[in-house]
N, C-alpha and C. Protein backbone atom coordinates (compact mmCIF):
# COMPACT_ATOMS: atom_id res chain seq x y z
N UNK A 1 -23.30 29.10 -23.11
CA UNK A 1 -22.66 29.88 -22.07
C UNK A 1 -21.51 29.01 -21.45
N UNK A 2 -20.38 29.64 -21.24
CA UNK A 2 -19.24 28.99 -20.64
C UNK A 2 -19.21 29.21 -19.14
N UNK A 3 -19.28 28.10 -18.37
CA UNK A 3 -19.27 28.24 -16.94
C UNK A 3 -17.84 28.37 -16.42
N UNK A 4 -17.68 28.99 -15.30
CA UNK A 4 -16.39 29.11 -14.63
C UNK A 4 -16.25 27.85 -13.70
N UNK A 5 -15.10 27.22 -13.71
CA UNK A 5 -14.90 26.04 -12.87
C UNK A 5 -14.35 26.44 -11.48
N UNK A 6 -14.86 25.83 -10.46
CA UNK A 6 -14.47 26.06 -9.10
C UNK A 6 -14.15 24.68 -8.51
N UNK A 7 -12.90 24.46 -8.15
CA UNK A 7 -12.41 23.16 -7.65
C UNK A 7 -12.35 23.12 -6.16
N UNK A 8 -12.84 22.02 -5.56
CA UNK A 8 -12.70 21.82 -4.11
C UNK A 8 -11.21 21.51 -3.79
N UNK A 9 -10.85 21.65 -2.52
CA UNK A 9 -9.48 21.34 -2.11
C UNK A 9 -9.18 19.88 -2.38
N UNK A 10 -10.16 18.99 -2.16
CA UNK A 10 -9.93 17.56 -2.39
C UNK A 10 -9.71 17.27 -3.85
N UNK A 11 -10.43 17.96 -4.74
CA UNK A 11 -10.23 17.77 -6.19
C UNK A 11 -8.85 18.22 -6.61
N UNK A 12 -8.42 19.37 -6.13
CA UNK A 12 -7.09 19.86 -6.48
C UNK A 12 -6.03 18.90 -5.96
N UNK A 13 -6.19 18.43 -4.78
CA UNK A 13 -5.21 17.47 -4.20
C UNK A 13 -5.13 16.20 -5.06
N UNK A 14 -6.26 15.70 -5.49
CA UNK A 14 -6.29 14.52 -6.33
C UNK A 14 -5.62 14.77 -7.67
N UNK A 15 -5.92 15.92 -8.29
CA UNK A 15 -5.35 16.25 -9.59
C UNK A 15 -3.83 16.39 -9.51
N UNK A 16 -3.34 16.89 -8.41
CA UNK A 16 -1.90 17.10 -8.25
C UNK A 16 -1.13 15.77 -8.28
N UNK A 17 -1.78 14.68 -7.95
CA UNK A 17 -1.13 13.36 -7.91
C UNK A 17 -1.18 12.61 -9.21
N UNK A 18 -1.89 13.09 -10.18
CA UNK A 18 -2.08 12.38 -11.44
C UNK A 18 -0.91 12.51 -12.37
N UNK A 19 -0.76 11.51 -13.24
CA UNK A 19 0.21 11.63 -14.34
C UNK A 19 -0.30 12.66 -15.36
N UNK A 20 0.59 13.15 -16.18
CA UNK A 20 0.18 14.15 -17.15
C UNK A 20 -0.93 13.63 -18.07
N UNK A 21 -0.84 12.37 -18.47
CA UNK A 21 -1.85 11.81 -19.37
C UNK A 21 -3.24 11.83 -18.75
N UNK A 22 -3.32 11.36 -17.51
CA UNK A 22 -4.64 11.33 -16.83
C UNK A 22 -5.14 12.72 -16.51
N UNK A 23 -4.23 13.60 -16.14
CA UNK A 23 -4.61 14.97 -15.87
C UNK A 23 -5.24 15.61 -17.12
N UNK A 24 -4.59 15.40 -18.26
CA UNK A 24 -5.09 15.94 -19.53
C UNK A 24 -6.49 15.37 -19.86
N UNK A 25 -6.71 14.09 -19.65
CA UNK A 25 -8.03 13.48 -19.91
C UNK A 25 -9.11 14.17 -19.06
N UNK A 26 -8.82 14.33 -17.78
CA UNK A 26 -9.82 14.90 -16.88
C UNK A 26 -10.01 16.38 -17.21
N UNK A 27 -8.93 17.09 -17.54
CA UNK A 27 -9.01 18.49 -17.88
C UNK A 27 -9.91 18.66 -19.15
N UNK A 28 -9.74 17.84 -20.12
CA UNK A 28 -10.55 17.91 -21.34
C UNK A 28 -12.04 17.70 -21.01
N UNK A 29 -12.32 16.77 -20.11
CA UNK A 29 -13.73 16.50 -19.71
C UNK A 29 -14.34 17.70 -19.00
N UNK A 30 -13.56 18.31 -18.13
CA UNK A 30 -14.02 19.46 -17.35
C UNK A 30 -14.27 20.65 -18.33
N UNK A 31 -13.41 20.82 -19.33
CA UNK A 31 -13.65 21.84 -20.32
C UNK A 31 -14.98 21.63 -21.04
N UNK A 32 -15.27 20.38 -21.35
CA UNK A 32 -16.54 20.07 -22.00
C UNK A 32 -17.72 20.34 -21.05
N UNK A 33 -17.55 20.03 -19.77
CA UNK A 33 -18.60 20.29 -18.80
C UNK A 33 -18.87 21.77 -18.63
N UNK A 34 -17.83 22.58 -18.79
CA UNK A 34 -17.99 24.02 -18.70
C UNK A 34 -18.88 24.52 -19.83
N UNK A 35 -18.89 23.85 -20.92
CA UNK A 35 -19.71 24.24 -22.08
C UNK A 35 -21.12 23.64 -21.97
N UNK A 36 -21.20 22.42 -21.42
CA UNK A 36 -22.48 21.73 -21.32
C UNK A 36 -22.42 20.91 -20.02
N UNK A 37 -22.98 21.45 -18.96
CA UNK A 37 -22.91 20.81 -17.60
C UNK A 37 -23.72 19.51 -17.50
N UNK A 38 -24.56 19.24 -18.44
CA UNK A 38 -25.38 18.06 -18.35
C UNK A 38 -25.36 17.24 -19.65
N UNK A 39 -24.18 16.72 -20.02
CA UNK A 39 -24.10 15.89 -21.21
C UNK A 39 -24.86 14.59 -21.04
N UNK A 40 -25.03 13.86 -22.16
CA UNK A 40 -25.76 12.60 -22.11
C UNK A 40 -25.12 11.56 -21.21
N UNK A 41 -23.80 11.62 -21.04
CA UNK A 41 -23.15 10.60 -20.19
C UNK A 41 -23.10 11.00 -18.74
N UNK A 42 -23.76 12.08 -18.33
CA UNK A 42 -23.81 12.43 -16.92
C UNK A 42 -25.04 11.76 -16.28
N UNK A 43 -24.96 11.59 -14.96
CA UNK A 43 -26.07 10.95 -14.24
C UNK A 43 -26.23 11.67 -12.90
N UNK A 44 -27.48 11.88 -12.52
CA UNK A 44 -27.75 12.45 -11.25
C UNK A 44 -27.46 11.44 -10.14
N UNK A 45 -26.81 11.87 -9.07
CA UNK A 45 -26.52 10.94 -7.97
C UNK A 45 -27.79 10.65 -7.21
N UNK A 46 -27.99 9.38 -6.89
CA UNK A 46 -29.16 8.95 -6.14
C UNK A 46 -29.17 9.64 -4.76
N UNK A 47 -30.33 10.10 -4.37
CA UNK A 47 -30.46 10.74 -3.10
C UNK A 47 -30.06 12.20 -3.06
N UNK A 48 -29.78 12.75 -4.24
CA UNK A 48 -29.32 14.11 -4.32
C UNK A 48 -30.03 14.82 -5.47
N UNK A 49 -30.46 16.02 -5.26
CA UNK A 49 -31.11 16.76 -6.32
C UNK A 49 -30.10 17.57 -7.12
N UNK A 50 -28.95 17.91 -6.53
CA UNK A 50 -28.07 18.89 -7.11
C UNK A 50 -26.78 18.30 -7.69
N UNK A 51 -26.39 17.10 -7.30
CA UNK A 51 -25.12 16.54 -7.68
C UNK A 51 -25.19 15.53 -8.81
N UNK A 52 -24.17 15.60 -9.67
CA UNK A 52 -24.12 14.73 -10.86
C UNK A 52 -22.76 14.05 -10.88
N UNK A 53 -22.67 13.01 -11.67
CA UNK A 53 -21.38 12.35 -11.89
C UNK A 53 -21.18 12.12 -13.36
N UNK A 54 -19.92 12.07 -13.74
CA UNK A 54 -19.58 11.75 -15.11
C UNK A 54 -18.25 10.93 -15.06
N UNK A 55 -18.16 9.98 -15.93
CA UNK A 55 -16.96 9.15 -15.97
C UNK A 55 -16.08 9.59 -17.12
N UNK A 56 -14.80 9.51 -16.86
CA UNK A 56 -13.79 9.77 -17.90
C UNK A 56 -12.66 8.76 -17.65
N UNK A 57 -12.54 7.82 -18.58
CA UNK A 57 -11.54 6.76 -18.43
C UNK A 57 -11.76 6.01 -17.15
N UNK A 58 -10.74 5.94 -16.33
CA UNK A 58 -10.85 5.21 -15.07
C UNK A 58 -11.20 6.12 -13.90
N UNK A 59 -11.66 7.30 -14.20
CA UNK A 59 -11.94 8.29 -13.12
C UNK A 59 -13.40 8.73 -13.19
N UNK A 60 -13.86 9.21 -12.07
CA UNK A 60 -15.24 9.72 -11.92
C UNK A 60 -15.16 11.16 -11.35
N UNK A 61 -15.94 12.05 -11.91
CA UNK A 61 -15.99 13.41 -11.45
C UNK A 61 -17.40 13.64 -10.87
N UNK A 62 -17.45 14.11 -9.63
CA UNK A 62 -18.75 14.47 -9.00
C UNK A 62 -18.78 16.00 -8.95
N UNK A 63 -19.89 16.54 -9.39
CA UNK A 63 -19.98 18.01 -9.52
C UNK A 63 -21.41 18.47 -9.36
N UNK A 64 -21.55 19.77 -9.19
CA UNK A 64 -22.84 20.42 -9.24
C UNK A 64 -22.58 21.81 -9.84
N UNK A 65 -23.63 22.48 -10.22
CA UNK A 65 -23.43 23.82 -10.86
C UNK A 65 -24.62 24.71 -10.55
N UNK A 66 -24.37 25.98 -10.69
CA UNK A 66 -25.44 26.99 -10.66
C UNK A 66 -25.43 27.69 -11.98
N UNK A 67 -25.96 28.88 -12.05
CA UNK A 67 -26.11 29.56 -13.32
C UNK A 67 -24.81 29.91 -13.99
N UNK A 68 -23.72 30.10 -13.21
CA UNK A 68 -22.47 30.57 -13.81
C UNK A 68 -21.22 29.80 -13.34
N UNK A 69 -21.37 28.93 -12.34
CA UNK A 69 -20.18 28.23 -11.84
C UNK A 69 -20.39 26.71 -11.81
N UNK A 70 -19.38 26.01 -12.30
CA UNK A 70 -19.32 24.54 -12.25
C UNK A 70 -18.44 24.19 -11.08
N UNK A 71 -19.03 23.57 -10.04
CA UNK A 71 -18.30 23.18 -8.84
C UNK A 71 -17.83 21.75 -8.99
N UNK A 72 -16.54 21.52 -9.03
CA UNK A 72 -15.94 20.20 -9.09
C UNK A 72 -15.70 19.75 -7.64
N UNK A 73 -16.60 18.93 -7.14
CA UNK A 73 -16.55 18.55 -5.72
C UNK A 73 -15.58 17.45 -5.42
N UNK A 74 -15.53 16.41 -6.25
CA UNK A 74 -14.66 15.28 -6.05
C UNK A 74 -14.24 14.68 -7.39
N UNK A 75 -13.04 14.13 -7.34
CA UNK A 75 -12.56 13.34 -8.49
C UNK A 75 -11.94 12.12 -7.86
N UNK A 76 -12.26 10.94 -8.39
CA UNK A 76 -11.69 9.74 -7.80
C UNK A 76 -11.70 8.58 -8.80
N UNK A 77 -11.14 7.49 -8.33
CA UNK A 77 -11.12 6.29 -9.17
C UNK A 77 -12.53 5.81 -9.41
N UNK A 78 -12.78 5.36 -10.60
CA UNK A 78 -14.14 4.94 -11.00
C UNK A 78 -14.56 3.63 -10.42
N UNK A 79 -13.65 2.67 -10.32
CA UNK A 79 -14.03 1.33 -9.99
C UNK A 79 -13.94 0.97 -8.52
N UNK A 80 -13.59 1.93 -7.67
CA UNK A 80 -13.70 1.64 -6.24
C UNK A 80 -14.71 2.61 -5.66
N UNK A 81 -15.33 2.25 -4.56
CA UNK A 81 -16.38 3.06 -3.99
C UNK A 81 -15.87 4.23 -3.15
N UNK A 82 -14.60 4.45 -3.11
CA UNK A 82 -14.00 5.48 -2.28
C UNK A 82 -14.58 6.86 -2.62
N UNK A 83 -14.78 7.16 -3.88
CA UNK A 83 -15.27 8.49 -4.22
C UNK A 83 -16.66 8.74 -3.63
N UNK A 84 -17.46 7.73 -3.51
CA UNK A 84 -18.81 7.90 -2.89
C UNK A 84 -18.69 8.02 -1.39
N UNK A 85 -17.79 7.30 -0.81
CA UNK A 85 -17.56 7.47 0.68
C UNK A 85 -17.14 8.89 0.96
N UNK A 86 -16.24 9.43 0.18
CA UNK A 86 -15.79 10.81 0.37
C UNK A 86 -16.95 11.79 0.12
N UNK A 87 -17.81 11.48 -0.84
CA UNK A 87 -18.96 12.34 -1.16
C UNK A 87 -19.91 12.37 0.05
N UNK A 88 -20.13 11.24 0.70
CA UNK A 88 -21.02 11.16 1.85
C UNK A 88 -20.51 12.06 2.99
N UNK A 89 -19.20 12.31 3.02
CA UNK A 89 -18.63 13.13 4.08
C UNK A 89 -18.62 14.59 3.79
N UNK A 90 -19.07 14.98 2.56
CA UNK A 90 -19.13 16.44 2.23
C UNK A 90 -20.16 17.17 3.06
């Protein structure tokens, strides 16, 4: 089943700032998540039952999903803790 993607305002804002190359990498990963929301390289976030993370290159995607929608909550740099600080504020 193909899920519909729903992007948060923060995710859209982050994507708008990316180079075409990085945007394409993240877009490809999201397309794969729409087909399989829980691939082997995803991990459940500690302290959360519903949120997962997946890495793509130097970026991290934090998301959750229900039966038909993949919610892209945050996208951020992988090697700094800023994406988790932003997640705590959701």
